[in-house]
Amino acid sequence: MRIVVKYCGNCNPEINSPRIISHLMRTLHDEIIFHPEGKKPADLLIIICGCRKACVDRPDVRAMGVRAILIKGRWIQELSCGEVVLTRLLLQKIESMKGKIASQTKEM
């Protein structure tokens, strides 16, 4: 599964985005792409915004992935939580997406 990560500049962070990204890289090292090549969207786009404004959540960014998970500060997909729980939920959501993608591939 190809995963693209897009994150903001952290001008007003509620979370430590670099720490979350670092954890993702250690856990999913072979699957994470920061600069997608070509025009084909990745299987999953993770948008990590340091605050609720979510300035980087734009249509041109959303086009980088077939599916997306949005983090807006302490919020992941409209669920508020602390950074440790947020990171764990993000990994669970990624694993769930892997299962969905694998089952869709088998159906084709």
PDB file of N, CA and C in Angstrom:
ATOM      1  N   MET A   1       0.844  -1.177   0.000  1.00  0.00           N
ATOM      2  CA  MET A   1       0.000   0.000   0.000  1.00  0.00           C
ATOM      3  C   MET A   1       0.886   1.235   0.000  1.00  0.00           C
ATOM      4  N   ARG A   2       0.585   2.171  -0.878  1.00  0.00           N
ATOM      5  CA  ARG A   2       1.315   3.440  -0.942  1.00  0.00           C
ATOM      6  C   ARG A   2       0.616   4.468  -0.069  1.00  0.00           C
ATOM      7  N   ILE A   3       1.339   5.040   0.876  1.00  0.00           N
ATOM      8  CA  ILE A   3       0.797   6.045   1.784  1.00  0.00           C
ATOM      9  C   ILE A   3       1.562   7.340   1.582  1.00  0.00           C
ATOM     10  N   VAL A   4       0.825   8.407   1.304  1.00  0.00           N
ATOM     11  CA  VAL A   4       1.426   9.730   1.173  1.00  0.00           C
ATOM     12  C   VAL A   4       1.085  10.528   2.426  1.00  0.00           C
ATOM     13  N   VAL A   5       2.078  11.225   2.968  1.00  0.00           N
ATOM     14  CA  VAL A   5       1.859  12.087   4.126  1.00  0.00           C
ATOM     15  C   VAL A   5       2.044  13.532   3.693  1.00  0.00           C
ATOM     16  N   LYS A   6       1.064  14.357   4.026  1.00  0.00           N
ATOM     17  CA  LYS A   6       1.134  15.793   3.765  1.00  0.00           C
ATOM     18  C   LYS A   6       0.898  16.484   5.098  1.00  0.00           C
ATOM     19  N   TYR A   7       1.756  17.408   5.445  1.00  0.00           N
ATOM     20  CA  TYR A   7       1.578  18.097   6.715  1.00  0.00           C
ATOM     21  C   TYR A   7       1.802  19.587   6.550  1.00  0.00           C
ATOM     22  N   CYS A   8       1.272  20.326   7.518  1.00  0.00           N
ATOM     23  CA  CYS A   8       1.325  21.785   7.475  1.00  0.00           C
ATOM     24  C   CYS A   8       2.664  22.281   8.036  1.00  0.00           C
ATOM     25  N   GLY A   9       2.802  23.580   8.116  1.00  0.00           N
ATOM     26  CA  GLY A   9       4.034  24.184   8.621  1.00  0.00           C
ATOM     27  C   GLY A   9       4.099  24.323  10.131  1.00  0.00           C
ATOM     28  N   ASN A  10       3.060  23.859  10.827  1.00  0.00           N
ATOM     29  CA  ASN A  10       3.028  23.897  12.295  1.00  0.00           C
ATOM     30  C   ASN A  10       3.174  25.299  12.861  1.00  0.00           C
ATOM     31  N   CYS A  11       2.458  26.256  12.304  1.00  0.00           N
ATOM     32  CA  CYS A  11       2.553  27.629  12.806  1.00  0.00           C
ATOM     33  C   CYS A  11       1.818  27.810  14.136  1.00  0.00           C
ATOM     34  N   ASN A  12       0.814  26.962  14.410  1.00  0.00           N
ATOM     35  CA  ASN A  12       0.037  27.074  15.642  1.00  0.00           C
ATOM     36  C   ASN A  12      -0.278  25.666  16.166  1.00  0.00           C
ATOM     37  N   PRO A  13       0.743  24.868  16.485  1.00  0.00           N
ATOM     38  CA  PRO A  13       0.510  23.450  16.772  1.00  0.00           C
ATOM     39  C   PRO A  13      -0.119  23.166  18.138  1.00  0.00           C
ATOM     40  N   GLU A  14      -1.069  22.237  18.117  1.00  0.00           N
ATOM     41  CA  GLU A  14      -1.650  21.671  19.338  1.00  0.00           C
ATOM     42  C   GLU A  14      -1.011  20.313  19.621  1.00  0.00           C
ATOM     43  N   ILE A  15      -0.354  19.762  18.620  1.00  0.00           N
ATOM     44  CA  ILE A  15       0.287  18.449  18.721  1.00  0.00           C
ATOM     45  C   ILE A  15       1.706  18.556  18.173  1.00  0.00           C
ATOM     46  N   ASN A  16       2.492  17.547  18.444  1.00  0.00           N
ATOM     47  CA  ASN A  16       3.848  17.483  17.923  1.00  0.00           C
ATOM     48  C   ASN A  16       3.827  16.640  16.641  1.00  0.00           C
ATOM     49  N   SER A  17       3.493  17.282  15.526  1.00  0.00           N
ATOM     50  CA  SER A  17       3.387  16.576  14.240  1.00  0.00           C
ATOM     51  C   SER A  17       4.664  15.838  13.860  1.00  0.00           C
ATOM     52  N   PRO A  18       5.858  16.453  14.037  1.00  0.00           N
ATOM     53  CA  PRO A  18       7.076  15.718  13.692  1.00  0.00           C
ATOM     54  C   PRO A  18       7.228  14.406  14.477  1.00  0.00           C
ATOM     55  N   ARG A  19       6.795  14.393  15.740  1.00  0.00           N
ATOM     56  CA  ARG A  19       6.891  13.160  16.531  1.00  0.00           C
ATOM     57  C   ARG A  19       5.936  12.100  15.984  1.00  0.00           C
ATOM     58  N   ILE A  20       4.729  12.516  15.594  1.00  0.00           N
ATOM     59  CA  ILE A  20       3.760  11.571  15.019  1.00  0.00           C
ATOM     60  C   ILE A  20       4.291  11.012  13.705  1.00  0.00           C
ATOM     61  N   ILE A  21       4.832  11.880  12.862  1.00  0.00           N
ATOM     62  CA  ILE A  21       5.388  11.451  11.580  1.00  0.00           C
ATOM     63  C   ILE A  21       6.565  10.511  11.791  1.00  0.00           C
ATOM     64  N   SER A  22       7.415  10.830  12.752  1.00  0.00           N
ATOM     65  CA  SER A  22       8.557   9.965  13.072  1.00  0.00           C
ATOM     66  C   SER A  22       8.080   8.578  13.491  1.00  0.00           C
ATOM     67  N   HIS A  23       7.050   8.525  14.311  1.00  0.00           N
ATOM     68  CA  HIS A  23       6.500   7.235  14.740  1.00  0.00           C
ATOM     69  C   HIS A  23       5.949   6.460  13.540  1.00  0.00           C
ATOM     70  N   LEU A  24       5.252   7.165  12.646  1.00  0.00           N
ATOM     71  CA  LEU A  24       4.735   6.510  11.439  1.00  0.00           C
ATOM     72  C   LEU A  24       5.873   5.938  10.595  1.00  0.00           C
ATOM     73  N   MET A  25       6.935   6.722  10.455  1.00  0.00           N
ATOM     74  CA  MET A  25       8.065   6.267   9.634  1.00  0.00           C
ATOM     75  C   MET A  25       8.718   5.026  10.240  1.00  0.00           C
ATOM     76  N   ARG A  26       8.820   4.968  11.554  1.00  0.00           N
ATOM     77  CA  ARG A  26       9.404   3.778  12.202  1.00  0.00           C
ATOM     78  C   ARG A  26       8.492   2.572  12.034  1.00  0.00           C
ATOM     79  N   THR A  27       7.182   2.793  12.056  1.00  0.00           N
ATOM     80  CA  THR A  27       6.226   1.696  11.995  1.00  0.00           C
ATOM     81  C   THR A  27       5.944   1.245  10.561  1.00  0.00           C
ATOM     82  N   LEU A  28       5.858   2.189   9.639  1.00  0.00           N
ATOM     83  CA  LEU A  28       5.452   1.896   8.260  1.00  0.00           C
ATOM     84  C   LEU A  28       6.539   2.276   7.258  1.00  0.00           C
ATOM     85  N   HIS A  29       7.780   2.125   7.613  1.00  0.00           N
ATOM     86  CA  HIS A  29       8.914   2.660   6.851  1.00  0.00           C
ATOM     87  C   HIS A  29       8.890   2.379   5.360  1.00  0.00           C
ATOM     88  N   ASP A  30       8.424   1.238   4.935  1.00  0.00           N
ATOM     89  CA  ASP A  30       8.455   0.904   3.509  1.00  0.00           C
ATOM     90  C   ASP A  30       7.266   1.442   2.727  1.00  0.00           C
ATOM     91  N   GLU A  31       6.248   1.927   3.429  1.00  0.00           N
ATOM     92  CA  GLU A  31       5.021   2.312   2.758  1.00  0.00           C
ATOM     93  C   GLU A  31       4.815   3.820   2.645  1.00  0.00           C
ATOM     94  N   ILE A  32       5.571   4.602   3.394  1.00  0.00           N
ATOM     95  CA  ILE A  32       5.356   6.055   3.448  1.00  0.00           C
ATOM     96  C   ILE A  32       6.122   6.754   2.342  1.00  0.00           C
ATOM     97  N   ILE A  33       5.420   7.657   1.665  1.00  0.00           N
ATOM     98  CA  ILE A  33       6.005   8.474   0.603  1.00  0.00           C
ATOM     99  C   ILE A  33       5.700   9.933   0.944  1.00  0.00           C
ATOM    100  N   PHE A  34       6.706  10.781   0.919  1.00  0.00           N
ATOM    101  CA  PHE A  34       6.458  12.187   1.212  1.00  0.00           C
ATOM    102  C   PHE A  34       6.280  13.009  -0.056  1.00  0.00           C
ATOM    103  N   HIS A  35       6.904  12.603  -1.132  1.00  0.00           N
ATOM    104  CA  HIS A  35       6.789  13.318  -2.402  1.00  0.00           C
ATOM    105  C   HIS A  35       6.371  12.312  -3.463  1.00  0.00           C
ATOM    106  N   PRO A  36       5.059  12.199  -3.709  1.00  0.00           N
ATOM    107  CA  PRO A  36       4.595  11.202  -4.668  1.00  0.00           C
ATOM    108  C   PRO A  36       5.112  11.473  -6.072  1.00  0.00           C
ATOM    109  N   GLU A  37       5.449  10.397  -6.747  1.00  0.00           N
ATOM    110  CA  GLU A  37       5.931  10.508  -8.115  1.00  0.00           C
ATOM    111  C   GLU A  37       4.791  10.195  -9.071  1.00  0.00           C
ATOM    112  N   GLY A  38       4.758  10.887 -10.170  1.00  0.00           N
ATOM    113  CA  GLY A  38       3.724  10.643 -11.168  1.00  0.00           C
ATOM    114  C   GLY A  38       2.403  11.254 -10.768  1.00  0.00           C
ATOM    115  N   LYS A  39       1.390  10.956 -11.550  1.00  0.00           N
ATOM    116  CA  LYS A  39       0.075  11.548 -11.317  1.00  0.00           C
ATOM    117  C   LYS A  39      -0.897  10.588 -10.661  1.00  0.00           C
ATOM    118  N   LYS A  40      -0.498   9.347 -10.483  1.00  0.00           N
ATOM    119  CA  LYS A  40      -1.382   8.363  -9.870  1.00  0.00           C
ATOM    120  C   LYS A  40      -1.486   8.634  -8.369  1.00  0.00           C
ATOM    121  N   PRO A  41      -2.726   8.781  -7.843  1.00  0.00           N
ATOM    122  CA  PRO A  41      -2.870   9.027  -6.403  1.00  0.00           C
ATOM    123  C   PRO A  41      -2.454   7.806  -5.587  1.00  0.00           C
ATOM    124  N   ALA A  42      -1.975   8.079  -4.392  1.00  0.00           N
ATOM    125  CA  ALA A  42      -1.592   7.004  -3.475  1.00  0.00           C
ATOM    126  C   ALA A  42      -2.859   6.302  -2.977  1.00  0.00           C
ATOM    127  N   ASP A  43      -2.685   5.118  -2.416  1.00  0.00           N
ATOM    128  CA  ASP A  43      -3.820   4.392  -1.851  1.00  0.00           C
ATOM    129  C   ASP A  43      -4.423   5.146  -0.671  1.00  0.00           C
ATOM    130  N   LEU A  44      -3.556   5.784   0.121  1.00  0.00           N
ATOM    131  CA  LEU A  44      -4.000   6.484   1.316  1.00  0.00           C
ATOM    132  C   LEU A  44      -3.205   7.764   1.496  1.00  0.00           C
ATOM    133  N   LEU A  45      -3.908   8.829   1.787  1.00  0.00           N
ATOM    134  CA  LEU A  45      -3.299  10.123   2.082  1.00  0.00           C
ATOM    135  C   LEU A  45      -3.538  10.424   3.551  1.00  0.00           C
ATOM    136  N   ILE A  46      -2.482  10.755   4.271  1.00  0.00           N
ATOM    137  CA  ILE A  46      -2.600  11.183   5.657  1.00  0.00           C
ATOM    138  C   ILE A  46      -2.272  12.664   5.695  1.00  0.00           C
ATOM    139  N   ILE A  47      -3.261  13.458   6.092  1.00  0.00           N
ATOM    140  CA  ILE A  47      -3.084  14.903   6.207  1.00  0.00           C
ATOM    141  C   ILE A  47      -2.927  15.213   7.691  1.00  0.00           C
ATOM    142  N   ILE A  48      -1.768  15.733   8.068  1.00  0.00           N
ATOM    143  CA  ILE A  48      -1.511  16.059   9.469  1.00  0.00           C
ATOM    144  C   ILE A  48      -1.386  17.569   9.606  1.00  0.00           C
ATOM    145  N   CYS A  49      -2.393  18.157  10.251  1.00  0.00           N
ATOM    146  CA  CYS A  49      -2.411  19.600  10.501  1.00  0.00           C
ATOM    147  C   CYS A  49      -2.229  19.821  12.005  1.00  0.00           C
ATOM    148  N   GLY A  50      -1.394  20.759  12.367  1.00  0.00           N
ATOM    149  CA  GLY A  50      -1.092  21.002  13.774  1.00  0.00           C
ATOM    150  C   GLY A  50      -2.241  21.597  14.565  1.00  0.00           C
ATOM    151  N   CYS A  51      -3.220  22.196  13.890  1.00  0.00           N
ATOM    152  CA  CYS A  51      -4.347  22.813  14.607  1.00  0.00           C
ATOM    153  C   CYS A  51      -5.657  22.540  13.870  1.00  0.00           C
ATOM    154  N   ARG A  52      -6.768  22.976  14.469  1.00  0.00           N
ATOM    155  CA  ARG A  52      -8.098  22.728  13.906  1.00  0.00           C
ATOM    156  C   ARG A  52      -8.365  23.489  12.608  1.00  0.00           C
ATOM    157  N   LYS A  53      -7.587  24.502  12.310  1.00  0.00           N
ATOM    158  CA  LYS A  53      -7.806  25.258  11.075  1.00  0.00           C
ATOM    159  C   LYS A  53      -7.615  24.367   9.843  1.00  0.00           C
ATOM    160  N   ALA A  54      -6.690  23.444   9.920  1.00  0.00           N
ATOM    161  CA  ALA A  54      -6.436  22.472   8.837  1.00  0.00           C
ATOM    162  C   ALA A  54      -6.193  23.151   7.493  1.00  0.00           C
ATOM    163  N   CYS A  55      -5.273  24.089   7.484  1.00  0.00           N
ATOM    164  CA  CYS A  55      -5.001  24.894   6.288  1.00  0.00           C
ATOM    165  C   CYS A  55      -4.550  24.066   5.084  1.00  0.00           C
ATOM    166  N   VAL A  56      -3.960  22.918   5.321  1.00  0.00           N
ATOM    167  CA  VAL A  56      -3.442  22.123   4.202  1.00  0.00           C
ATOM    168  C   VAL A  56      -4.500  21.160   3.632  1.00  0.00           C
ATOM    169  N   ASP A  57      -5.666  21.099   4.243  1.00  0.00           N
ATOM    170  CA  ASP A  57      -6.752  20.247   3.744  1.00  0.00           C
ATOM    171  C   ASP A  57      -7.477  20.983   2.620  1.00  0.00           C
ATOM    172  N   ARG A  58      -6.936  20.811   1.414  1.00  0.00           N
ATOM    173  CA  ARG A  58      -7.455  21.491   0.217  1.00  0.00           C
ATOM    174  C   ARG A  58      -7.712  20.448  -0.880  1.00  0.00           C
ATOM    175  N   PRO A  59      -8.544  20.781  -1.853  1.00  0.00           N
ATOM    176  CA  PRO A  59      -8.836  19.829  -2.938  1.00  0.00           C
ATOM    177  C   PRO A  59      -7.584  19.336  -3.675  1.00  0.00           C
ATOM    178  N   ASP A  60      -6.616  20.215  -3.921  1.00  0.00           N
ATOM    179  CA  ASP A  60      -5.410  19.780  -4.632  1.00  0.00           C
ATOM    180  C   ASP A  60      -4.604  18.783  -3.803  1.00  0.00           C
ATOM    181  N   VAL A  61      -4.629  18.939  -2.493  1.00  0.00           N
ATOM    182  CA  VAL A  61      -3.943  17.985  -1.615  1.00  0.00           C
ATOM    183  C   VAL A  61      -4.742  16.689  -1.552  1.00  0.00           C
ATOM    184  N   ARG A  62      -6.053  16.788  -1.404  1.00  0.00           N
ATOM    185  CA  ARG A  62      -6.914  15.591  -1.347  1.00  0.00           C
ATOM    186  C   ARG A  62      -6.754  14.727  -2.596  1.00  0.00           C
ATOM    187  N   ALA A  63      -6.435  15.344  -3.726  1.00  0.00           N
ATOM    188  CA  ALA A  63      -6.259  14.604  -4.981  1.00  0.00           C
ATOM    189  C   ALA A  63      -5.021  13.701  -4.956  1.00  0.00           C
ATOM    190  N   MET A  64      -4.172  13.862  -3.949  1.00  0.00           N
ATOM    191  CA  MET A  64      -2.955  13.050  -3.847  1.00  0.00           C
ATOM    192  C   MET A  64      -3.228  11.624  -3.386  1.00  0.00           C
ATOM    193  N   GLY A  65      -4.441  11.355  -2.882  1.00  0.00           N
ATOM    194  CA  GLY A  65      -4.761  10.013  -2.392  1.00  0.00           C
ATOM    195  C   GLY A  65      -6.176   9.595  -2.729  1.00  0.00           C
ATOM    196  N   VAL A  66      -6.379   8.299  -2.868  1.00  0.00           N
ATOM    197  CA  VAL A  66      -7.709   7.750  -3.130  1.00  0.00           C
ATOM    198  C   VAL A  66      -8.571   7.875  -1.883  1.00  0.00           C
ATOM    199  N   ARG A  67      -7.974   7.595  -0.723  1.00  0.00           N
ATOM    200  CA  ARG A  67      -8.638   7.718   0.570  1.00  0.00           C
ATOM    201  C   ARG A  67      -7.806   8.653   1.422  1.00  0.00           C
ATOM    202  N   ALA A  68      -8.441   9.273   2.431  1.00  0.00           N
ATOM    203  CA  ALA A  68      -7.693  10.212   3.278  1.00  0.00           C
ATOM    204  C   ALA A  68      -8.060  10.046   4.743  1.00  0.00           C
ATOM    205  N   ILE A  69      -7.076  10.285   5.578  1.00  0.00           N
ATOM    206  CA  ILE A  69      -7.267  10.399   7.016  1.00  0.00           C
ATOM    207  C   ILE A  69      -6.801  11.802   7.377  1.00  0.00           C
ATOM    208  N   LEU A  70      -7.668  12.553   8.054  1.00  0.00           N
ATOM    209  CA  LEU A  70      -7.362  13.937   8.396  1.00  0.00           C
ATOM    210  C   LEU A  70      -7.149  14.081   9.895  1.00  0.00           C
ATOM    211  N   ILE A  71      -6.005  14.659  10.253  1.00  0.00           N
ATOM    212  CA  ILE A  71      -5.712  15.024  11.638  1.00  0.00           C
ATOM    213  C   ILE A  71      -5.697  16.540  11.697  1.00  0.00           C
ATOM    214  N   LYS A  72      -6.508  17.085  12.620  1.00  0.00           N
ATOM    215  CA  LYS A  72      -6.588  18.536  12.806  1.00  0.00           C
ATOM    216  C   LYS A  72      -6.279  18.816  14.276  1.00  0.00           C
ATOM    217  N   GLY A  73      -5.012  19.050  14.587  1.00  0.00           N
ATOM    218  CA  GLY A  73      -4.633  19.245  15.977  1.00  0.00           C
ATOM    219  C   GLY A  73      -4.886  17.971  16.758  1.00  0.00           C
ATOM    220  N   ARG A  74      -5.632  18.079  17.833  1.00  0.00           N
ATOM    221  CA  ARG A  74      -5.930  16.907  18.664  1.00  0.00           C
ATOM    222  C   ARG A  74      -7.125  16.115  18.144  1.00  0.00           C
ATOM    223  N   TRP A  75      -7.530  16.354  16.931  1.00  0.00           N
ATOM    224  CA  TRP A  75      -8.698  15.686  16.350  1.00  0.00           C
ATOM    225  C   TRP A  75      -8.279  14.772  15.203  1.00  0.00           C
ATOM    226  N   ILE A  76      -8.831  13.574  15.187  1.00  0.00           N
ATOM    227  CA  ILE A  76      -8.636  12.665  14.062  1.00  0.00           C
ATOM    228  C   ILE A  76     -10.025  12.214  13.611  1.00  0.00           C
ATOM    229  N   GLN A  77     -10.352  12.553  12.358  1.00  0.00           N
ATOM    230  CA  GLN A  77     -11.662  12.211  11.802  1.00  0.00           C
ATOM    231  C   GLN A  77     -12.782  12.612  12.771  1.00  0.00           C
ATOM    232  N   GLU A  78     -12.747  13.818  13.281  1.00  0.00           N
ATOM    233  CA  GLU A  78     -13.771  14.387  14.165  1.00  0.00           C
ATOM    234  C   GLU A  78     -13.850  13.733  15.541  1.00  0.00           C
ATOM    235  N   LEU A  79     -12.810  13.050  15.973  1.00  0.00           N
ATOM    236  CA  LEU A  79     -12.733  12.478  17.314  1.00  0.00           C
ATOM    237  C   LEU A  79     -11.591  13.167  18.050  1.00  0.00           C
ATOM    238  N   SER A  80     -11.890  13.779  19.180  1.00  0.00           N
ATOM    239  CA  SER A  80     -10.883  14.501  19.960  1.00  0.00           C
ATOM    240  C   SER A  80     -10.161  13.540  20.900  1.00  0.00           C
ATOM    241  N   CYS A  81      -8.838  13.667  20.953  1.00  0.00           N
ATOM    242  CA  CYS A  81      -8.055  12.806  21.837  1.00  0.00           C
ATOM    243  C   CYS A  81      -6.667  13.407  22.045  1.00  0.00           C
ATOM    244  N   GLY A  82      -5.918  12.853  22.974  1.00  0.00           N
ATOM    245  CA  GLY A  82      -4.552  13.284  23.204  1.00  0.00           C
ATOM    246  C   GLY A  82      -3.624  12.725  22.140  1.00  0.00           C
ATOM    247  N   GLU A  83      -2.404  13.206  22.124  1.00  0.00           N
ATOM    248  CA  GLU A  83      -1.454  12.840  21.064  1.00  0.00           C
ATOM    249  C   GLU A  83      -1.122  11.350  21.039  1.00  0.00           C
ATOM    250  N   VAL A  84      -0.950  10.729  22.200  1.00  0.00           N
ATOM    251  CA  VAL A  84      -0.614   9.299  22.236  1.00  0.00           C
ATOM    252  C   VAL A  84      -1.773   8.474  21.677  1.00  0.00           C
ATOM    253  N   VAL A  85      -2.978   8.778  22.119  1.00  0.00           N
ATOM    254  CA  VAL A  85      -4.160   8.065  21.620  1.00  0.00           C
ATOM    255  C   VAL A  85      -4.351   8.359  20.138  1.00  0.00           C
ATOM    256  N   LEU A  86      -4.137   9.595  19.735  1.00  0.00           N
ATOM    257  CA  LEU A  86      -4.267   9.989  18.336  1.00  0.00           C
ATOM    258  C   LEU A  86      -3.343   9.145  17.457  1.00  0.00           C
ATOM    259  N   THR A  87      -2.097   8.989  17.879  1.00  0.00           N
ATOM    260  CA  THR A  87      -1.133   8.190  17.108  1.00  0.00           C
ATOM    261  C   THR A  87      -1.590   6.740  17.008  1.00  0.00           C
ATOM    262  N   ARG A  88      -2.077   6.197  18.119  1.00  0.00           N
ATOM    263  CA  ARG A  88      -2.565   4.807  18.119  1.00  0.00           C
ATOM    264  C   ARG A  88      -3.778   4.661  17.206  1.00  0.00           C
ATOM    265  N   LEU A  89      -4.733   5.605  17.277  1.00  0.00           N
ATOM    266  CA  LEU A  89      -5.909   5.560  16.400  1.00  0.00           C
ATOM    267  C   LEU A  89      -5.515   5.682  14.935  1.00  0.00           C
ATOM    268  N   LEU A  90      -4.543   6.529  14.654  1.00  0.00           N
ATOM    269  CA  LEU A  90      -4.069   6.678  13.275  1.00  0.00           C
ATOM    270  C   LEU A  90      -3.544   5.352  12.751  1.00  0.00           C
ATOM    271  N   LEU A  91      -2.721   4.671  13.528  1.00  0.00           N
ATOM    272  CA  LEU A  91      -2.190   3.371  13.096  1.00  0.00           C
ATOM    273  C   LEU A  91      -3.310   2.349  12.920  1.00  0.00           C
ATOM    274  N   GLN A  92      -4.315   2.372  13.805  1.00  0.00           N
ATOM    275  CA  GLN A  92      -5.455   1.457  13.663  1.00  0.00           C
ATOM    276  C   GLN A  92      -6.231   1.748  12.379  1.00  0.00           C
ATOM    277  N   LYS A  93      -6.426   3.024  12.081  1.00  0.00           N
ATOM    278  CA  LYS A  93      -7.147   3.401  10.867  1.00  0.00           C
ATOM    279  C   LYS A  93      -6.367   2.977   9.619  1.00  0.00           C
ATOM    280  N   ILE A  94      -5.053   3.112   9.669  1.00  0.00           N
ATOM    281  CA  ILE A  94      -4.217   2.685   8.538  1.00  0.00           C
ATOM    282  C   ILE A  94      -4.353   1.179   8.339  1.00  0.00           C
ATOM    283  N   GLU A  95      -4.289   0.412   9.419  1.00  0.00           N
ATOM    284  CA  GLU A  95      -4.432  -1.039   9.313  1.00  0.00           C
ATOM    285  C   GLU A  95      -5.803  -1.412   8.755  1.00  0.00           C
ATOM    286  N   SER A  96      -6.832  -0.707   9.182  1.00  0.00           N
ATOM    287  CA  SER A  96      -8.181  -0.953   8.676  1.00  0.00           C
ATOM    288  C   SER A  96      -8.256  -0.665   7.173  1.00  0.00           C
ATOM    289  N   MET A  97      -7.621   0.426   6.754  1.00  0.00           N
ATOM    290  CA  MET A  97      -7.600   0.774   5.324  1.00  0.00           C
ATOM    291  C   MET A  97      -6.860  -0.295   4.526  1.00  0.00           C
ATOM    292  N   LYS A  98      -5.776  -0.828   5.096  1.00  0.00           N
ATOM    293  CA  LYS A  98      -5.037  -1.892   4.402  1.00  0.00           C
ATOM    294  C   LYS A  98      -5.945  -3.077   4.131  1.00  0.00           C
ATOM    295  N   GLY A  99      -6.752  -3.445   5.132  1.00  0.00           N
ATOM    296  CA  GLY A  99      -7.673  -4.560   4.973  1.00  0.00           C
ATOM    297  C   GLY A  99      -8.702  -4.299   3.892  1.00  0.00           C
ATOM    298  N   LYS A 100      -9.244  -3.089   3.860  1.00  0.00           N
ATOM    299  CA  LYS A 100     -10.232  -2.737   2.844  1.00  0.00           C
ATOM    300  C   LYS A 100      -9.621  -2.760   1.451  1.00  0.00           C
ATOM    301  N   ILE A 101      -8.419  -2.230   1.330  1.00  0.00           N
ATOM    302  CA  ILE A 101      -7.752  -2.193   0.025  1.00  0.00           C
ATOM    303  C   ILE A 101      -7.431  -3.605  -0.441  1.00  0.00           C
ATOM    304  N   ALA A 102      -6.960  -4.452   0.482  1.00  0.00           N
ATOM    305  CA  ALA A 102      -6.634  -5.840   0.128  1.00  0.00           C
ATOM    306  C   ALA A 102      -7.881  -6.591  -0.336  1.00  0.00           C
ATOM    307  N   SER A 103      -9.014  -6.391   0.357  1.00  0.00           N
ATOM    308  CA  SER A 103     -10.236  -7.100  -0.046  1.00  0.00           C
ATOM    309  C   SER A 103     -10.767  -6.580  -1.372  1.00  0.00           C
ATOM    310  N   GLN A 104     -10.617  -5.293  -1.647  1.00  0.00           N
ATOM    311  CA  GLN A 104     -11.047  -4.745  -2.929  1.00  0.00           C
ATOM    312  C   GLN A 104     -10.177  -5.262  -4.068  1.00  0.00           C
ATOM    313  N   THR A 105      -8.891  -5.434  -3.801  1.00  0.00           N
ATOM    314  CA  THR A 105      -7.974  -5.954  -4.810  1.00  0.00           C
ATOM    315  C   THR A 105      -8.322  -7.390  -5.162  1.00  0.00           C
ATOM    316  N   LYS A 106      -8.709  -8.198  -4.166  1.00  0.00           N
ATOM    317  CA  LYS A 106      -9.070  -9.587  -4.405  1.00  0.00           C
ATOM    318  C   LYS A 106     -10.341  -9.700  -5.243  1.00  0.00           C
ATOM    319  N   GLU A 107     -11.269  -8.742  -5.054  1.00  0.00           N
ATOM    320  CA  GLU A 107     -12.528  -8.758  -5.789  1.00  0.00           C
ATOM    321  C   GLU A 107     -12.342  -8.444  -7.260  1.00  0.00           C
ATOM    322  N   MET A 108     -11.258  -7.756  -7.618  1.00  0.00           N
ATOM    323  CA  MET A 108     -11.050  -7.351  -9.003  1.00  0.00           C
ATOM    324  C   MET A 108     -10.563  -8.463  -9.850  1.00  0.00           C
TER     325      MET A 108
END
